[in-house]
Amino acid sequence: MPSAVSGGSRIRTNTPAENAYNALQASSTNIALRQLRLSTGKRINSAADDVAGYITSRSLLARNGALKAALGAVGEAESVTNIAQDAFDNINNLLTSIKDAAATASSGALGTNEKVALAQSAYRFAQQIQTIVDSTVFGGRQLLDGGFSGDFVIGFNASNSLLTLAVDLTTQVSSTNFNIDGVFLTAVTNNSNFAGVTGLDLNSLSSISSSSLGIFDISNIPTTLTSLAAALDNVNKVASYLGGVTNRLASQTDSLKSQITNYNAAISRIQDADVATEQLELVKAQFLQQTSIITLTQANQSPQEYLQLFR
């Protein structure tokens, strides 16, 4: 802290000039600091500006980056579930048509040729199910062929928990399948365990003929209808579960957006400059700089006055 000490009549040591010079240096440094904060918009431009604030803000920035990445992962997981749900809606409609064809074939009023025609029509629906399975793709990977499994970091908590989505309709669907770590779903028409129903092979519809009605034979119709009903139920269960996962992901999206906003606000309070305050401080420092220059000029004139004693 400078003190108001004069040099008396001494000219070798000009204390007032030194004080004025030090004040000029301080005000110039303060001006440079305010100009830096105003130009960058940041109160903390280096760790030296605020040691504790620097650590806190960097930690918050790192967490915020993870949350933004998690938000992207949640969006991709939502895309997977939405695409799969749409596919299951179509599969449901096609299975219903197949079941309707089987129910119609159970009528004793129909002849063999009519039943074969119904079977061939149902087979076309089965082929379309396979087409849907083959064309339901995300990121170059088929979602419904039994081989898809994806891990999504959804920023669940500080440990960045994973949500795993997998699909396999050939697996028996039961309450034990429904857990937060997996969605089991696949549809393949040439599989003998279609939609979790053992022995249900939609590909066998193509082999029905007037000499062998197969699963459309009057003795097999009850089993066929029961199996198709079970397949429909399983497809609907998984679609419903996917809908629940979608709702959860939508909630997580809202939560992540809120967290990101709050983290941004916290970072701003610590790191960002208050432009109005910095401008006021800049004007104050500029004023002190000018007065320091004037004072320094006056202090440097004092030794000249003592030289008058030698005249």
C-alpha atoms as a PDB file:
ATOM      1  CA  MET A   1       0.000   0.000   0.000  1.00  0.00           C
ATOM      2  CA  PRO A   2       1.530   3.347  -1.002  1.00  0.00           C
ATOM      3  CA  SER A   3       1.956   6.028   1.633  1.00  0.00           C
ATOM      4  CA  ALA A   4       1.980   9.789   1.148  1.00  0.00           C
ATOM      5  CA  VAL A   5       5.700  10.315   1.800  1.00  0.00           C
ATOM      6  CA  SER A   6       7.511  13.157   0.116  1.00  0.00           C
ATOM      7  CA  GLY A   7      11.192  13.421  -0.502  1.00  0.00           C
ATOM      8  CA  GLY A   8      11.421  16.776   1.194  1.00  0.00           C
ATOM      9  CA  SER A   9      14.166  18.724  -0.523  1.00  0.00           C
ATOM     10  CA  ARG A  10      15.902  15.600  -1.800  1.00  0.00           C
ATOM     11  CA  ILE A  11      16.328  15.112  -5.533  1.00  0.00           C
ATOM     12  CA  ARG A  12      18.117  11.733  -5.458  1.00  0.00           C
ATOM     13  CA  THR A  13      14.986   9.925  -4.265  1.00  0.00           C
ATOM     14  CA  ASN A  14      11.658  11.088  -5.711  1.00  0.00           C
ATOM     15  CA  THR A  15       9.138   9.124  -3.613  1.00  0.00           C
ATOM     16  CA  PRO A  16       6.012  10.944  -4.928  1.00  0.00           C
ATOM     17  CA  ALA A  17       7.048  10.073  -8.493  1.00  0.00           C
ATOM     18  CA  GLU A  18       7.559   6.431  -7.553  1.00  0.00           C
ATOM     19  CA  ASN A  19       4.110   6.305  -5.937  1.00  0.00           C
ATOM     20  CA  ALA A  20       2.552   7.893  -9.005  1.00  0.00           C
ATOM     21  CA  TYR A  21       4.414   5.464 -11.276  1.00  0.00           C
ATOM     22  CA  ASN A  22       3.261   2.441  -9.253  1.00  0.00           C
ATOM     23  CA  ALA A  23      -0.331   3.725  -9.350  1.00  0.00           C
ATOM     24  CA  LEU A  24      -0.004   4.178 -13.124  1.00  0.00           C
ATOM     25  CA  GLN A  25       1.207   0.594 -13.491  1.00  0.00           C
ATOM     26  CA  ALA A  26      -1.665  -0.724 -11.366  1.00  0.00           C
ATOM     27  CA  SER A  27      -4.307   1.198 -13.302  1.00  0.00           C
ATOM     28  CA  SER A  28      -2.779   0.119 -16.648  1.00  0.00           C
ATOM     29  CA  THR A  29      -2.814  -3.524 -15.533  1.00  0.00           C
ATOM     30  CA  ASN A  30      -6.417  -3.138 -14.382  1.00  0.00           C
ATOM     31  CA  ILE A  31      -7.379  -1.641 -17.751  1.00  0.00           C
ATOM     32  CA  ALA A  32      -5.743  -4.550 -19.593  1.00  0.00           C
ATOM     33  CA  LEU A  33      -7.625  -7.020 -17.366  1.00  0.00           C
ATOM     34  CA  ARG A  34     -11.002  -5.329 -17.937  1.00  0.00           C
ATOM     35  CA  GLN A  35     -10.407  -5.124 -21.696  1.00  0.00           C
ATOM     36  CA  LEU A  36      -9.498  -8.813 -21.803  1.00  0.00           C
ATOM     37  CA  ARG A  37     -12.671  -9.794 -19.921  1.00  0.00           C
ATOM     38  CA  LEU A  38     -14.833  -7.589 -22.128  1.00  0.00           C
ATOM     39  CA  SER A  39     -13.276  -8.931 -25.326  1.00  0.00           C
ATOM     40  CA  THR A  40     -13.533 -12.604 -24.304  1.00  0.00           C
ATOM     41  CA  GLY A  41     -16.712 -12.317 -22.256  1.00  0.00           C
ATOM     42  CA  LYS A  42     -15.066 -14.405 -19.539  1.00  0.00           C
ATOM     43  CA  ARG A  43     -14.176 -13.458 -15.974  1.00  0.00           C
ATOM     44  CA  ILE A  44     -11.827 -16.438 -15.727  1.00  0.00           C
ATOM     45  CA  ASN A  45      -9.415 -16.564 -18.648  1.00  0.00           C
ATOM     46  CA  SER A  46      -6.690 -18.490 -16.834  1.00  0.00           C
ATOM     47  CA  ALA A  47      -6.298 -20.410 -13.601  1.00  0.00           C
ATOM     48  CA  ALA A  48      -4.583 -17.387 -12.065  1.00  0.00           C
ATOM     49  CA  ASP A  49      -7.772 -15.315 -12.317  1.00  0.00           C
ATOM     50  CA  ASP A  50      -9.654 -17.547  -9.843  1.00  0.00           C
ATOM     51  CA  VAL A  51      -8.016 -20.790  -8.730  1.00  0.00           C
ATOM     52  CA  ALA A  52     -11.089 -22.323  -7.087  1.00  0.00           C
ATOM     53  CA  GLY A  53     -13.471 -21.040  -9.763  1.00  0.00           C
ATOM     54  CA  TYR A  54     -11.222 -22.419 -12.515  1.00  0.00           C
ATOM     55  CA  ILE A  55     -11.324 -25.941 -11.038  1.00  0.00           C
ATOM     56  CA  THR A  56     -15.094 -25.834 -10.507  1.00  0.00           C
ATOM     57  CA  SER A  57     -15.909 -24.463 -13.943  1.00  0.00           C
ATOM     58  CA  ARG A  58     -13.685 -26.997 -15.722  1.00  0.00           C
ATOM     59  CA  SER A  59     -15.313 -29.835 -13.794  1.00  0.00           C
ATOM     60  CA  LEU A  60     -18.771 -28.552 -14.714  1.00  0.00           C
ATOM     61  CA  LEU A  61     -17.739 -28.177 -18.372  1.00  0.00           C
ATOM     62  CA  ALA A  62     -16.522 -31.781 -18.458  1.00  0.00           C
ATOM     63  CA  ARG A  63     -19.778 -33.062 -16.958  1.00  0.00           C
ATOM     64  CA  ASN A  64     -21.805 -30.897 -19.318  1.00  0.00           C
ATOM     65  CA  GLY A  65     -19.957 -32.384 -22.286  1.00  0.00           C
ATOM     66  CA  ALA A  66     -20.862 -35.870 -21.078  1.00  0.00           C
ATOM     67  CA  LEU A  67     -24.513 -34.836 -20.701  1.00  0.00           C
ATOM     68  CA  LYS A  68     -24.598 -33.479 -24.259  1.00  0.00           C
ATOM     69  CA  ALA A  69     -23.151 -36.744 -25.548  1.00  0.00           C
ATOM     70  CA  ALA A  70     -25.756 -38.615 -23.502  1.00  0.00           C
ATOM     71  CA  LEU A  71     -28.489 -36.478 -25.047  1.00  0.00           C
ATOM     72  CA  GLY A  72     -27.318 -37.582 -28.484  1.00  0.00           C
ATOM     73  CA  ALA A  73     -27.281 -41.231 -27.347  1.00  0.00           C
ATOM     74  CA  VAL A  74     -30.830 -40.922 -26.004  1.00  0.00           C
ATOM     75  CA  GLY A  75     -31.955 -39.498 -29.337  1.00  0.00           C
ATOM     76  CA  GLU A  76     -30.418 -42.442 -31.178  1.00  0.00           C
ATOM     77  CA  ALA A  77     -32.020 -44.915 -28.760  1.00  0.00           C
ATOM     78  CA  GLU A  78     -35.377 -43.207 -29.364  1.00  0.00           C
ATOM     79  CA  SER A  79     -34.843 -43.571 -33.104  1.00  0.00           C
ATOM     80  CA  VAL A  80     -34.187 -47.301 -32.689  1.00  0.00           C
ATOM     81  CA  THR A  81     -37.320 -47.845 -30.589  1.00  0.00           C
ATOM     82  CA  ASN A  82     -39.499 -45.726 -32.885  1.00  0.00           C
ATOM     83  CA  ILE A  83     -38.322 -47.524 -36.015  1.00  0.00           C
ATOM     84  CA  ALA A  84     -38.851 -50.903 -34.339  1.00  0.00           C
ATOM     85  CA  GLN A  85     -42.306 -49.909 -33.091  1.00  0.00           C
ATOM     86  CA  ASP A  86     -43.388 -48.907 -36.573  1.00  0.00           C
ATOM     87  CA  ALA A  87     -42.161 -52.242 -37.916  1.00  0.00           C
ATOM     88  CA  PHE A  88     -44.111 -54.119 -35.247  1.00  0.00           C
ATOM     89  CA  ASP A  89     -47.260 -52.204 -36.075  1.00  0.00           C
ATOM     90  CA  ASN A  90     -46.939 -53.436 -39.645  1.00  0.00           C
ATOM     91  CA  ILE A  91     -46.128 -56.984 -38.533  1.00  0.00           C
ATOM     92  CA  ASN A  92     -49.156 -56.921 -36.243  1.00  0.00           C
ATOM     93  CA  ASN A  93     -51.439 -55.969 -39.144  1.00  0.00           C
ATOM     94  CA  LEU A  94     -49.954 -58.696 -41.360  1.00  0.00           C
ATOM     95  CA  LEU A  95     -50.243 -61.346 -38.649  1.00  0.00           C
ATOM     96  CA  THR A  96     -53.842 -60.327 -38.106  1.00  0.00           C
ATOM     97  CA  SER A  97     -54.502 -60.822 -41.818  1.00  0.00           C
ATOM     98  CA  ILE A  98     -52.864 -64.262 -41.682  1.00  0.00           C
ATOM     99  CA  LYS A  99     -54.949 -65.197 -38.658  1.00  0.00           C
ATOM    100  CA  ASP A 100     -58.104 -63.968 -40.419  1.00  0.00           C
ATOM    101  CA  ALA A 101     -57.223 -66.149 -43.409  1.00  0.00           C
ATOM    102  CA  ALA A 102     -56.766 -69.169 -41.113  1.00  0.00           C
ATOM    103  CA  ALA A 103     -60.061 -68.455 -39.366  1.00  0.00           C
ATOM    104  CA  THR A 104     -61.827 -68.221 -42.710  1.00  0.00           C
ATOM    105  CA  ALA A 105     -60.244 -71.504 -43.820  1.00  0.00           C
ATOM    106  CA  SER A 106     -61.781 -73.211 -40.783  1.00  0.00           C
ATOM    107  CA  SER A 107     -65.244 -72.807 -42.312  1.00  0.00           C
ATOM    108  CA  GLY A 108     -66.733 -76.054 -43.496  1.00  0.00           C
ATOM    109  CA  ALA A 109     -68.430 -74.191 -46.347  1.00  0.00           C
ATOM    110  CA  LEU A 110     -65.109 -73.728 -48.155  1.00  0.00           C
ATOM    111  CA  GLY A 111     -63.649 -76.229 -50.549  1.00  0.00           C
ATOM    112  CA  THR A 112     -60.047 -77.313 -50.860  1.00  0.00           C
ATOM    113  CA  ASN A 113     -59.246 -74.849 -53.645  1.00  0.00           C
ATOM    114  CA  GLU A 114     -60.559 -71.909 -51.590  1.00  0.00           C
ATOM    115  CA  LYS A 115     -58.440 -72.984 -48.616  1.00  0.00           C
ATOM    116  CA  VAL A 116     -55.331 -73.264 -50.819  1.00  0.00           C
ATOM    117  CA  ALA A 117     -56.020 -69.763 -52.171  1.00  0.00           C
ATOM    118  CA  LEU A 118     -56.323 -68.437 -48.626  1.00  0.00           C
ATOM    119  CA  ALA A 119     -53.051 -70.142 -47.681  1.00  0.00           C
ATOM    120  CA  GLN A 120     -51.264 -68.640 -50.680  1.00  0.00           C
ATOM    121  CA  SER A 121     -52.616 -65.203 -49.774  1.00  0.00           C
ATOM    122  CA  ALA A 122     -51.466 -65.678 -46.188  1.00  0.00           C
ATOM    123  CA  TYR A 123     -48.027 -66.701 -47.453  1.00  0.00           C
ATOM    124  CA  ARG A 124     -47.750 -63.386 -49.318  1.00  0.00           C
ATOM    125  CA  PHE A 125     -48.386 -61.647 -45.994  1.00  0.00           C
ATOM    126  CA  ALA A 126     -45.677 -63.812 -44.412  1.00  0.00           C
ATOM    127  CA  GLN A 127     -43.268 -62.805 -47.165  1.00  0.00           C
ATOM    128  CA  GLN A 128     -44.070 -59.170 -46.443  1.00  0.00           C
ATOM    129  CA  ILE A 129     -43.247 -59.741 -42.769  1.00  0.00           C
ATOM    130  CA  GLN A 130     -39.826 -60.981 -43.871  1.00  0.00           C
ATOM    131  CA  THR A 131     -39.443 -57.908 -46.093  1.00  0.00           C
ATOM    132  CA  ILE A 132     -40.207 -55.662 -43.115  1.00  0.00           C
ATOM    133  CA  VAL A 133     -37.639 -57.540 -41.018  1.00  0.00           C
ATOM    134  CA  ASP A 134     -34.989 -57.171 -43.718  1.00  0.00           C
ATOM    135  CA  SER A 135     -35.682 -53.478 -44.311  1.00  0.00           C
ATOM    136  CA  THR A 136     -35.883 -52.358 -40.683  1.00  0.00           C
ATOM    137  CA  VAL A 137     -32.356 -50.969 -40.442  1.00  0.00           C
ATOM    138  CA  PHE A 138     -30.618 -48.348 -38.309  1.00  0.00           C
ATOM    139  CA  GLY A 139     -27.001 -47.343 -38.723  1.00  0.00           C
ATOM    140  CA  GLY A 140     -26.426 -50.096 -41.261  1.00  0.00           C
ATOM    141  CA  ARG A 141     -27.643 -52.792 -38.847  1.00  0.00           C
ATOM    142  CA  GLN A 142     -30.885 -54.745 -39.029  1.00  0.00           C
ATOM    143  CA  LEU A 143     -32.992 -54.285 -35.923  1.00  0.00           C
ATOM    144  CA  LEU A 144     -35.293 -57.319 -36.143  1.00  0.00           C
ATOM    145  CA  ASP A 145     -33.127 -60.164 -37.388  1.00  0.00           C
ATOM    146  CA  GLY A 146     -32.110 -61.335 -33.915  1.00  0.00           C
ATOM    147  CA  GLY A 147     -28.556 -59.983 -34.097  1.00  0.00           C
ATOM    148  CA  PHE A 148     -29.029 -56.407 -32.967  1.00  0.00           C
ATOM    149  CA  SER A 149     -27.884 -55.289 -29.542  1.00  0.00           C
ATOM    150  CA  GLY A 150     -26.879 -51.723 -28.774  1.00  0.00           C
ATOM    151  CA  ASP A 151     -25.516 -50.047 -25.645  1.00  0.00           C
ATOM    152  CA  PHE A 152     -26.480 -46.418 -25.167  1.00  0.00           C
ATOM    153  CA  VAL A 153     -24.827 -44.143 -22.581  1.00  0.00           C
ATOM    154  CA  ILE A 154     -27.845 -42.131 -21.501  1.00  0.00           C
ATOM    155  CA  GLY A 155     -26.249 -40.044 -18.731  1.00  0.00           C
ATOM    156  CA  PHE A 156     -28.457 -41.743 -16.162  1.00  0.00           C
ATOM    157  CA  ASN A 157     -26.268 -40.536 -13.295  1.00  0.00           C
ATOM    158  CA  ALA A 158     -22.685 -39.552 -12.605  1.00  0.00           C
ATOM    159  CA  SER A 159     -21.590 -43.080 -13.558  1.00  0.00           C
ATOM    160  CA  ASN A 160     -23.066 -42.672 -17.074  1.00  0.00           C
ATOM    161  CA  SER A 161     -25.267 -45.766 -16.913  1.00  0.00           C
ATOM    162  CA  LEU A 162     -25.967 -47.840 -20.011  1.00  0.00           C
ATOM    163  CA  LEU A 163     -29.290 -48.788 -21.541  1.00  0.00           C
ATOM    164  CA  THR A 164     -29.037 -51.951 -23.646  1.00  0.00           C
ATOM    165  CA  LEU A 165     -31.560 -52.546 -26.434  1.00  0.00           C
ATOM    166  CA  ALA A 166     -31.703 -55.981 -28.049  1.00  0.00           C
ATOM    167  CA  VAL A 167     -34.403 -57.653 -30.157  1.00  0.00           C
ATOM    168  CA  ASP A 168     -35.253 -61.340 -30.607  1.00  0.00           C
ATOM    169  CA  LEU A 169     -38.817 -62.427 -31.372  1.00  0.00           C
ATOM    170  CA  THR A 170     -37.668 -66.021 -31.621  1.00  0.00           C
ATOM    171  CA  THR A 171     -37.161 -65.937 -27.852  1.00  0.00           C
ATOM    172  CA  GLN A 172     -40.100 -66.902 -25.708  1.00  0.00           C
ATOM    173  CA  VAL A 173     -41.657 -63.670 -24.458  1.00  0.00           C
ATOM    174  CA  SER A 174     -42.520 -63.676 -20.772  1.00  0.00           C
ATOM    175  CA  SER A 175     -42.492 -61.349 -17.807  1.00  0.00           C
ATOM    176  CA  THR A 176     -38.908 -62.376 -17.084  1.00  0.00           C
ATOM    177  CA  ASN A 177     -37.833 -60.983 -20.451  1.00  0.00           C
ATOM    178  CA  PHE A 178     -38.965 -57.504 -19.563  1.00  0.00           C
ATOM    179  CA  ASN A 179     -36.184 -55.770 -17.735  1.00  0.00           C
ATOM    180  CA  ILE A 180     -34.577 -52.384 -18.050  1.00  0.00           C
ATOM    181  CA  ASP A 181     -31.466 -53.868 -19.649  1.00  0.00           C
ATOM    182  CA  GLY A 182     -33.079 -55.438 -22.677  1.00  0.00           C
ATOM    183  CA  VAL A 183     -35.875 -55.538 -25.204  1.00  0.00           C
ATOM    184  CA  PHE A 184     -36.163 -58.937 -26.836  1.00  0.00           C
ATOM    185  CA  LEU A 185     -37.506 -58.883 -30.351  1.00  0.00           C
ATOM    186  CA  THR A 186     -37.041 -60.506 -33.779  1.00  0.00           C
ATOM    187  CA  ALA A 187     -39.267 -61.669 -36.582  1.00  0.00           C
ATOM    188  CA  VAL A 188     -38.073 -64.169 -39.177  1.00  0.00           C
ATOM    189  CA  THR A 189     -40.687 -66.021 -41.233  1.00  0.00           C
ATOM    190  CA  ASN A 190     -38.508 -69.029 -42.014  1.00  0.00           C
ATOM    191  CA  ASN A 191     -37.968 -69.786 -38.355  1.00  0.00           C
ATOM    192  CA  SER A 192     -39.906 -72.618 -36.701  1.00  0.00           C
ATOM    193  CA  ASN A 193     -40.138 -70.614 -33.465  1.00  0.00           C
ATOM    194  CA  PHE A 194     -41.707 -67.471 -34.827  1.00  0.00           C
ATOM    195  CA  ALA A 195     -42.613 -64.715 -32.343  1.00  0.00           C
ATOM    196  CA  GLY A 196     -41.744 -66.855 -29.376  1.00  0.00           C
ATOM    197  CA  VAL A 197     -44.165 -69.634 -30.405  1.00  0.00           C
ATOM    198  CA  THR A 198     -42.514 -73.028 -30.756  1.00  0.00           C
ATOM    199  CA  GLY A 199     -43.446 -74.844 -33.944  1.00  0.00           C
ATOM    200  CA  LEU A 200     -44.998 -71.850 -35.713  1.00  0.00           C
ATOM    201  CA  ASP A 201     -43.371 -71.700 -39.147  1.00  0.00           C
ATOM    202  CA  LEU A 202     -45.040 -69.204 -41.490  1.00  0.00           C
ATOM    203  CA  ASN A 203     -42.855 -70.437 -44.326  1.00  0.00           C
ATOM    204  CA  SER A 204     -44.877 -73.684 -44.321  1.00  0.00           C
ATOM    205  CA  LEU A 205     -47.805 -71.737 -45.826  1.00  0.00           C
ATOM    206  CA  SER A 206     -46.072 -71.965 -49.212  1.00  0.00           C
ATOM    207  CA  SER A 207     -46.214 -75.791 -49.184  1.00  0.00           C
ATOM    208  CA  ILE A 208     -50.008 -76.009 -48.759  1.00  0.00           C
ATOM    209  CA  SER A 209     -51.673 -77.669 -51.721  1.00  0.00           C
ATOM    210  CA  SER A 210     -54.907 -79.424 -52.575  1.00  0.00           C
ATOM    211  CA  SER A 211     -53.310 -82.736 -51.636  1.00  0.00           C
ATOM    212  CA  SER A 212     -51.917 -81.473 -48.301  1.00  0.00           C
ATOM    213  CA  LEU A 213     -53.508 -78.552 -46.486  1.00  0.00           C
ATOM    214  CA  GLY A 214     -50.892 -78.664 -43.729  1.00  0.00           C
ATOM    215  CA  ILE A 215     -51.541 -76.093 -40.998  1.00  0.00           C
ATOM    216  CA  PHE A 216     -54.812 -75.181 -42.783  1.00  0.00           C
ATOM    217  CA  ASP A 217     -56.105 -78.732 -42.506  1.00  0.00           C
ATOM    218  CA  ILE A 218     -59.250 -78.979 -40.397  1.00  0.00           C
ATOM    219  CA  SER A 219     -57.377 -81.072 -37.822  1.00  0.00           C
ATOM    220  CA  ASN A 220     -54.589 -78.444 -37.517  1.00  0.00           C
ATOM    221  CA  ILE A 221     -56.647 -75.247 -37.719  1.00  0.00           C
ATOM    222  CA  PRO A 222     -57.258 -75.014 -33.922  1.00  0.00           C
ATOM    223  CA  THR A 223     -53.508 -75.239 -33.241  1.00  0.00           C
ATOM    224  CA  THR A 224     -52.760 -72.802 -36.058  1.00  0.00           C
ATOM    225  CA  LEU A 225     -55.208 -70.226 -34.727  1.00  0.00           C
ATOM    226  CA  THR A 226     -53.912 -70.669 -31.162  1.00  0.00           C
ATOM    227  CA  SER A 227     -50.297 -70.274 -32.312  1.00  0.00           C
ATOM    228  CA  LEU A 228     -51.079 -67.169 -34.393  1.00  0.00           C
ATOM    229  CA  ALA A 229     -52.986 -65.656 -31.472  1.00  0.00           C
ATOM    230  CA  ALA A 230     -49.985 -66.303 -29.197  1.00  0.00           C
ATOM    231  CA  ALA A 231     -47.626 -64.774 -31.791  1.00  0.00           C
ATOM    232  CA  LEU A 232     -49.834 -61.682 -32.036  1.00  0.00           C
ATOM    233  CA  ASP A 233     -49.902 -61.407 -28.270  1.00  0.00           C
ATOM    234  CA  ASN A 234     -46.107 -61.638 -28.076  1.00  0.00           C
ATOM    235  CA  VAL A 235     -45.612 -59.047 -30.807  1.00  0.00           C
ATOM    236  CA  ASN A 236     -48.011 -56.703 -29.033  1.00  0.00           C
ATOM    237  CA  LYS A 237     -46.270 -57.267 -25.692  1.00  0.00           C
ATOM    238  CA  VAL A 238     -42.896 -56.333 -27.079  1.00  0.00           C
ATOM    239  CA  ALA A 239     -44.283 -53.350 -29.013  1.00  0.00           C
ATOM    240  CA  SER A 240     -45.943 -52.189 -25.815  1.00  0.00           C
ATOM    241  CA  TYR A 241     -42.695 -52.596 -23.903  1.00  0.00           C
ATOM    242  CA  LEU A 242     -40.867 -50.636 -26.574  1.00  0.00           C
ATOM    243  CA  GLY A 243     -43.457 -47.903 -26.163  1.00  0.00           C
ATOM    244  CA  GLY A 244     -42.653 -47.807 -22.449  1.00  0.00           C
ATOM    245  CA  VAL A 245     -38.940 -47.555 -23.235  1.00  0.00           C
ATOM    246  CA  THR A 246     -39.690 -44.704 -25.644  1.00  0.00           C
ATOM    247  CA  ASN A 247     -41.596 -42.863 -22.929  1.00  0.00           C
ATOM    248  CA  ARG A 248     -38.707 -43.353 -20.548  1.00  0.00           C
ATOM    249  CA  LEU A 249     -36.254 -42.056 -23.137  1.00  0.00           C
ATOM    250  CA  ALA A 250     -38.467 -39.012 -23.772  1.00  0.00           C
ATOM    251  CA  SER A 251     -38.435 -38.300 -20.036  1.00  0.00           C
ATOM    252  CA  GLN A 252     -34.654 -38.727 -19.975  1.00  0.00           C
ATOM    253  CA  THR A 253     -34.362 -36.291 -22.891  1.00  0.00           C
ATOM    254  CA  ASP A 254     -36.284 -33.638 -20.950  1.00  0.00           C
ATOM    255  CA  SER A 255     -34.194 -34.346 -17.846  1.00  0.00           C
ATOM    256  CA  LEU A 256     -30.903 -34.062 -19.739  1.00  0.00           C
ATOM    257  CA  LYS A 257     -31.945 -30.814 -21.417  1.00  0.00           C
ATOM    258  CA  SER A 258     -32.854 -29.362 -18.040  1.00  0.00           C
ATOM    259  CA  GLN A 259     -29.563 -30.505 -16.520  1.00  0.00           C
ATOM    260  CA  ILE A 260     -27.551 -29.079 -19.417  1.00  0.00           C
ATOM    261  CA  THR A 261     -29.324 -25.723 -19.037  1.00  0.00           C
ATOM    262  CA  ASN A 262     -28.656 -25.687 -15.294  1.00  0.00           C
ATOM    263  CA  TYR A 263     -24.996 -26.613 -15.795  1.00  0.00           C
ATOM    264  CA  ASN A 264     -24.642 -23.848 -18.389  1.00  0.00           C
ATOM    265  CA  ALA A 265     -26.115 -21.379 -15.908  1.00  0.00           C
ATOM    266  CA  ALA A 266     -23.734 -22.542 -13.174  1.00  0.00           C
ATOM    267  CA  ILE A 267     -20.741 -22.296 -15.506  1.00  0.00           C
ATOM    268  CA  SER A 268     -21.842 -18.838 -16.616  1.00  0.00           C
ATOM    269  CA  ARG A 269     -22.136 -17.572 -13.040  1.00  0.00           C
ATOM    270  CA  ILE A 270     -18.592 -18.736 -12.286  1.00  0.00           C
ATOM    271  CA  GLN A 271     -16.789 -18.092 -15.539  1.00  0.00           C
ATOM    272  CA  ASP A 272     -18.552 -15.362 -17.500  1.00  0.00           C
ATOM    273  CA  ALA A 273     -17.850 -11.682 -17.053  1.00  0.00           C
ATOM    274  CA  ASP A 274     -20.487  -9.179 -15.916  1.00  0.00           C
ATOM    275  CA  VAL A 275     -20.210  -6.780 -18.842  1.00  0.00           C
ATOM    276  CA  ALA A 276     -21.847  -3.852 -17.022  1.00  0.00           C
ATOM    277  CA  THR A 277     -19.540  -4.196 -14.010  1.00  0.00           C
ATOM    278  CA  GLU A 278     -16.431  -4.631 -16.150  1.00  0.00           C
ATOM    279  CA  GLN A 279     -17.324  -1.525 -18.158  1.00  0.00           C
ATOM    280  CA  LEU A 280     -17.706   0.512 -14.987  1.00  0.00           C
ATOM    281  CA  GLU A 281     -14.381  -0.775 -13.676  1.00  0.00           C
ATOM    282  CA  LEU A 282     -12.740   0.007 -17.022  1.00  0.00           C
ATOM    283  CA  VAL A 283     -13.919   3.629 -16.935  1.00  0.00           C
ATOM    284  CA  LYS A 284     -12.713   3.914 -13.342  1.00  0.00           C
ATOM    285  CA  ALA A 285      -9.285   2.459 -14.224  1.00  0.00           C
ATOM    286  CA  GLN A 286      -8.952   4.749 -17.260  1.00  0.00           C
ATOM    287  CA  PHE A 287      -9.708   7.756 -15.067  1.00  0.00           C
ATOM    288  CA  LEU A 288      -7.073   6.656 -12.519  1.00  0.00           C
ATOM    289  CA  GLN A 289      -4.594   6.102 -15.342  1.00  0.00           C
ATOM    290  CA  GLN A 290      -5.035   9.671 -16.518  1.00  0.00           C
ATOM    291  CA  THR A 291      -4.709  11.128 -13.012  1.00  0.00           C
ATOM    292  CA  SER A 292      -1.621   8.958 -12.382  1.00  0.00           C
ATOM    293  CA  ILE A 293       0.030  10.343 -15.523  1.00  0.00           C
ATOM    294  CA  ILE A 294      -0.728  13.897 -14.441  1.00  0.00           C
ATOM    295  CA  THR A 295       0.521  13.205 -10.909  1.00  0.00           C
ATOM    296  CA  LEU A 296       3.687  11.554 -12.230  1.00  0.00           C
ATOM    297  CA  THR A 297       4.372  14.584 -14.429  1.00  0.00           C
ATOM    298  CA  GLN A 298       3.949  16.931 -11.466  1.00  0.00           C
ATOM    299  CA  ALA A 299       6.120  14.772  -9.205  1.00  0.00           C
ATOM    300  CA  ASN A 300       8.915  14.755 -11.783  1.00  0.00           C
ATOM    301  CA  GLN A 301       8.889  18.560 -11.820  1.00  0.00           C
ATOM    302  CA  SER A 302       9.663  18.837  -8.076  1.00  0.00           C
ATOM    303  CA  PRO A 303      13.460  18.305  -8.380  1.00  0.00           C
ATOM    304  CA  GLN A 304      13.552  21.122 -10.915  1.00  0.00           C
ATOM    305  CA  GLU A 305      12.216  23.477  -8.291  1.00  0.00           C
ATOM    306  CA  TYR A 306      15.059  22.696  -5.860  1.00  0.00           C
ATOM    307  CA  LEU A 307      17.599  23.537  -8.547  1.00  0.00           C
ATOM    308  CA  GLN A 308      16.502  27.150  -8.173  1.00  0.00           C
ATOM    309  CA  LEU A 309      18.513  27.217  -4.905  1.00  0.00           C
ATOM    310  CA  PHE A 310      21.740  27.037  -6.927  1.00  0.00           C
ATOM    311  CA  ARG A 311      20.976  30.120  -8.987  1.00  0.00           C
END
